[in-house]
Protein backbone atom coordinates (compact mmCIF):
# COMPACT_ATOMS: atom_id res chain seq x y z
CA MET A 1 41.65 -38.13 25.64
CA LYS A 2 38.26 -37.21 27.14
CA THR A 3 39.84 -34.31 29.01
CA LYS A 4 41.40 -32.92 25.79
CA LEU A 5 38.07 -33.25 23.95
CA ALA A 6 36.25 -31.52 26.81
CA LEU A 7 38.78 -28.66 26.78
CA VAL A 8 38.44 -28.26 23.01
CA VAL A 9 34.62 -28.18 23.29
CA LEU A 10 34.81 -25.63 26.12
CA ALA A 11 37.19 -23.48 24.12
CA LEU A 12 34.90 -23.60 21.07
CA VAL A 13 31.88 -22.66 23.19
CA ALA A 14 33.78 -19.75 24.75
CA VAL A 15 35.02 -18.45 21.39
CA SER A 16 31.54 -18.83 19.86
CA SER A 17 29.96 -16.95 22.76
CA ILE A 18 32.45 -14.11 22.42
CA MET A 19 31.94 -13.91 18.64
CA VAL A 20 28.15 -14.00 18.81
CA GLY A 21 28.08 -11.56 21.73
CA GLY A 22 30.36 -9.23 19.79
CA LEU A 23 28.09 -9.35 16.75
CA PHE A 24 25.07 -8.16 18.69
CA ALA A 25 26.63 -5.91 21.31
CA ASP A 26 27.23 -2.99 18.95
CA THR A 27 24.03 -3.28 16.92
CA PRO A 28 20.90 -2.95 19.04
CA ALA A 29 17.65 -4.01 17.44
CA PRO A 30 15.95 -1.05 15.74
CA ILE A 31 13.00 -0.11 17.93
CA PRO A 32 11.26 3.05 16.62
CA GLY A 33 11.25 5.84 19.17
CA ILE A 34 13.37 3.85 21.61
CA THR A 35 16.69 2.85 20.00
CA GLY A 36 16.21 5.00 16.92
CA PRO A 37 14.06 7.73 15.42
CA ASP A 38 10.29 7.27 15.21
CA ALA A 39 9.35 7.50 11.53
CA HIS A 40 5.64 7.56 12.45
CA PRO A 41 5.24 9.88 15.48
CA ASN A 42 1.66 10.72 14.45
CA GLY A 43 0.54 7.12 14.03
CA CYS A 44 -2.31 6.60 11.56
CA VAL A 45 -1.96 9.87 9.67
CA ASP A 46 1.74 9.34 8.96
CA CYS A 47 1.00 6.18 6.96
CA HIS A 48 -2.53 6.94 5.79
CA ALA A 49 -1.51 9.96 3.72
CA VAL A 50 -1.03 11.00 0.11
CA GLN A 51 2.16 9.19 -0.94
CA GLY A 52 3.66 8.51 -4.35
CA GLY A 53 0.74 10.19 -6.09
CA LYS A 54 -1.80 7.90 -4.36
CA ASP A 55 -4.28 8.84 -1.67
CA TYR A 56 -4.11 6.43 1.29
CA ARG A 57 -5.94 8.72 3.73
CA LEU A 58 -8.58 7.03 5.90
CA PRO A 59 -11.73 8.45 4.25
CA GLN A 60 -10.68 7.00 0.87
CA GLY A 61 -9.71 3.67 2.39
CA LEU A 62 -12.98 3.36 4.30
CA LEU A 63 -14.99 4.08 1.14
CA ALA A 64 -13.04 1.39 -0.73
CA MET A 65 -13.68 -1.39 1.82
CA LYS A 66 -15.54 -4.29 0.25
CA GLY A 67 -18.83 -5.25 1.87
CA VAL A 68 -18.76 -2.32 4.29
CA LYS A 69 -20.68 0.93 3.93
CA HIS A 70 -18.77 3.24 6.26
CA PRO A 71 -20.16 6.73 6.93
CA ASP A 72 -18.20 9.79 5.82
CA ILE A 73 -15.83 10.73 8.65
CA THR A 74 -14.41 13.93 7.15
CA LYS A 75 -16.79 16.28 8.99
CA ILE A 76 -16.92 14.57 12.40
CA VAL A 77 -13.49 13.02 13.07
CA LYS A 78 -10.91 15.66 13.96
CA LYS A 79 -8.27 13.45 15.59
CA VAL A 80 -7.25 9.95 14.50
CA PRO A 81 -7.81 7.38 15.96
CA ASP A 82 -9.32 9.16 19.00
CA GLY A 83 -12.28 10.44 16.95
CA CYS A 84 -13.07 6.91 15.76
CA MET A 85 -14.00 6.04 19.35
CA MET A 86 -17.33 7.83 18.86
CA CYS A 87 -18.58 4.67 17.16
CA HIS A 88 -15.87 2.10 17.94
CA LYS A 89 -15.71 2.12 21.77
CA ALA A 90 -15.59 -1.07 23.84
CA GLY A 91 -18.76 -3.11 23.37
CA ALA A 92 -19.94 -1.04 20.39
CA LYS A 93 -22.17 -2.65 17.76
CA MET A 94 -19.73 -1.44 15.09
CA GLY A 95 -16.83 -3.24 16.79
CA ASN A 96 -14.23 -2.21 19.32
CA ILE A 97 -11.49 -0.06 17.73
CA ASP A 98 -8.79 -2.43 19.03
CA VAL A 99 -10.30 -5.45 17.31
CA VAL A 100 -11.21 -3.58 14.11
CA LEU A 101 -7.75 -2.06 13.65
CA HIS A 102 -5.70 -5.11 14.64
CA LYS A 103 -7.75 -7.32 12.32
CA ALA A 104 -7.36 -4.88 9.40
CA HIS A 105 -3.63 -4.49 9.95
CA PHE A 106 -2.75 -8.16 10.45
CA GLU A 107 -5.20 -10.27 8.42
CA ASN A 108 -3.81 -11.95 5.29
CA PRO A 109 -0.17 -11.40 6.36
CA THR A 110 1.32 -12.50 3.03
CA THR A 111 -0.56 -9.76 1.13
CA ASN A 112 -1.18 -7.21 3.87
CA HIS A 113 0.57 -3.89 3.16
CA PHE A 114 1.05 -3.07 6.86
CA VAL A 115 2.84 -6.38 7.44
CA ALA A 116 4.81 -6.31 4.18
CA PHE A 117 5.82 -2.64 4.07
CA TYR A 118 5.83 -1.60 7.73
CA GLN A 119 6.93 -5.03 9.04
CA GLY A 120 3.78 -5.10 11.21
CA SER A 121 5.56 -2.95 13.77
CA CYS A 122 3.38 -2.27 16.80
CA LEU A 123 5.33 0.95 17.36
CA SER A 124 3.98 2.41 14.12
CA CYS A 125 0.70 2.92 16.01
CA HIS A 126 1.69 2.62 19.67
CA LYS A 127 4.23 4.43 21.83
CA ILE A 128 5.82 3.27 25.06
CA ASP A 129 6.90 5.47 27.94
CA THR A 130 10.26 3.89 28.76
CA THR A 131 10.16 5.30 32.30
CA THR A 132 6.78 3.87 33.31
CA GLY A 133 6.45 1.05 30.77
CA ILE A 134 2.96 2.27 29.87
CA MET A 135 1.84 1.81 26.27
CA ALA A 136 -0.42 4.34 24.56
CA VAL A 137 -1.93 4.75 21.11
CA LYS A 138 -0.50 7.54 18.96
CA SER A 139 -3.16 10.05 17.93
CA ALA A 140 -2.90 13.14 15.74
CA ALA A 141 -4.95 15.72 13.90
CA ALA A 142 -6.87 14.35 10.90
CA ASN A 143 -5.12 14.96 7.56
CA TRP A 144 -8.12 15.66 5.33
């Protein structure tokens, strides 16, 4: 009896493994720029743009931040986020760009637009060289 039960369990495990493996084998996880197209090849400026009649570009967003008086970046920043490094380099009084951007994009996850709309995808802002495995930040010409 134990042998029959063991064979039935083994058969169920084998069938389950085949079924589950078959479900995932033909549908790789969508990874922007790796297993599918990159909808945001220019990083910041692809999302922070005029969309649906609303202006989401960085200068407008920075002016709207509560409790922060950010200087006008329209005349000095030519490439985003590279140009932000003038003030936001490592150890800067104004905060390291990595910390500032990650905090802004991931705080309050239940109401955060980046998390809700863009699924908090790291590859919206970062790109990975699949040959070397090196990650880089996407940067592009300012859109203002």
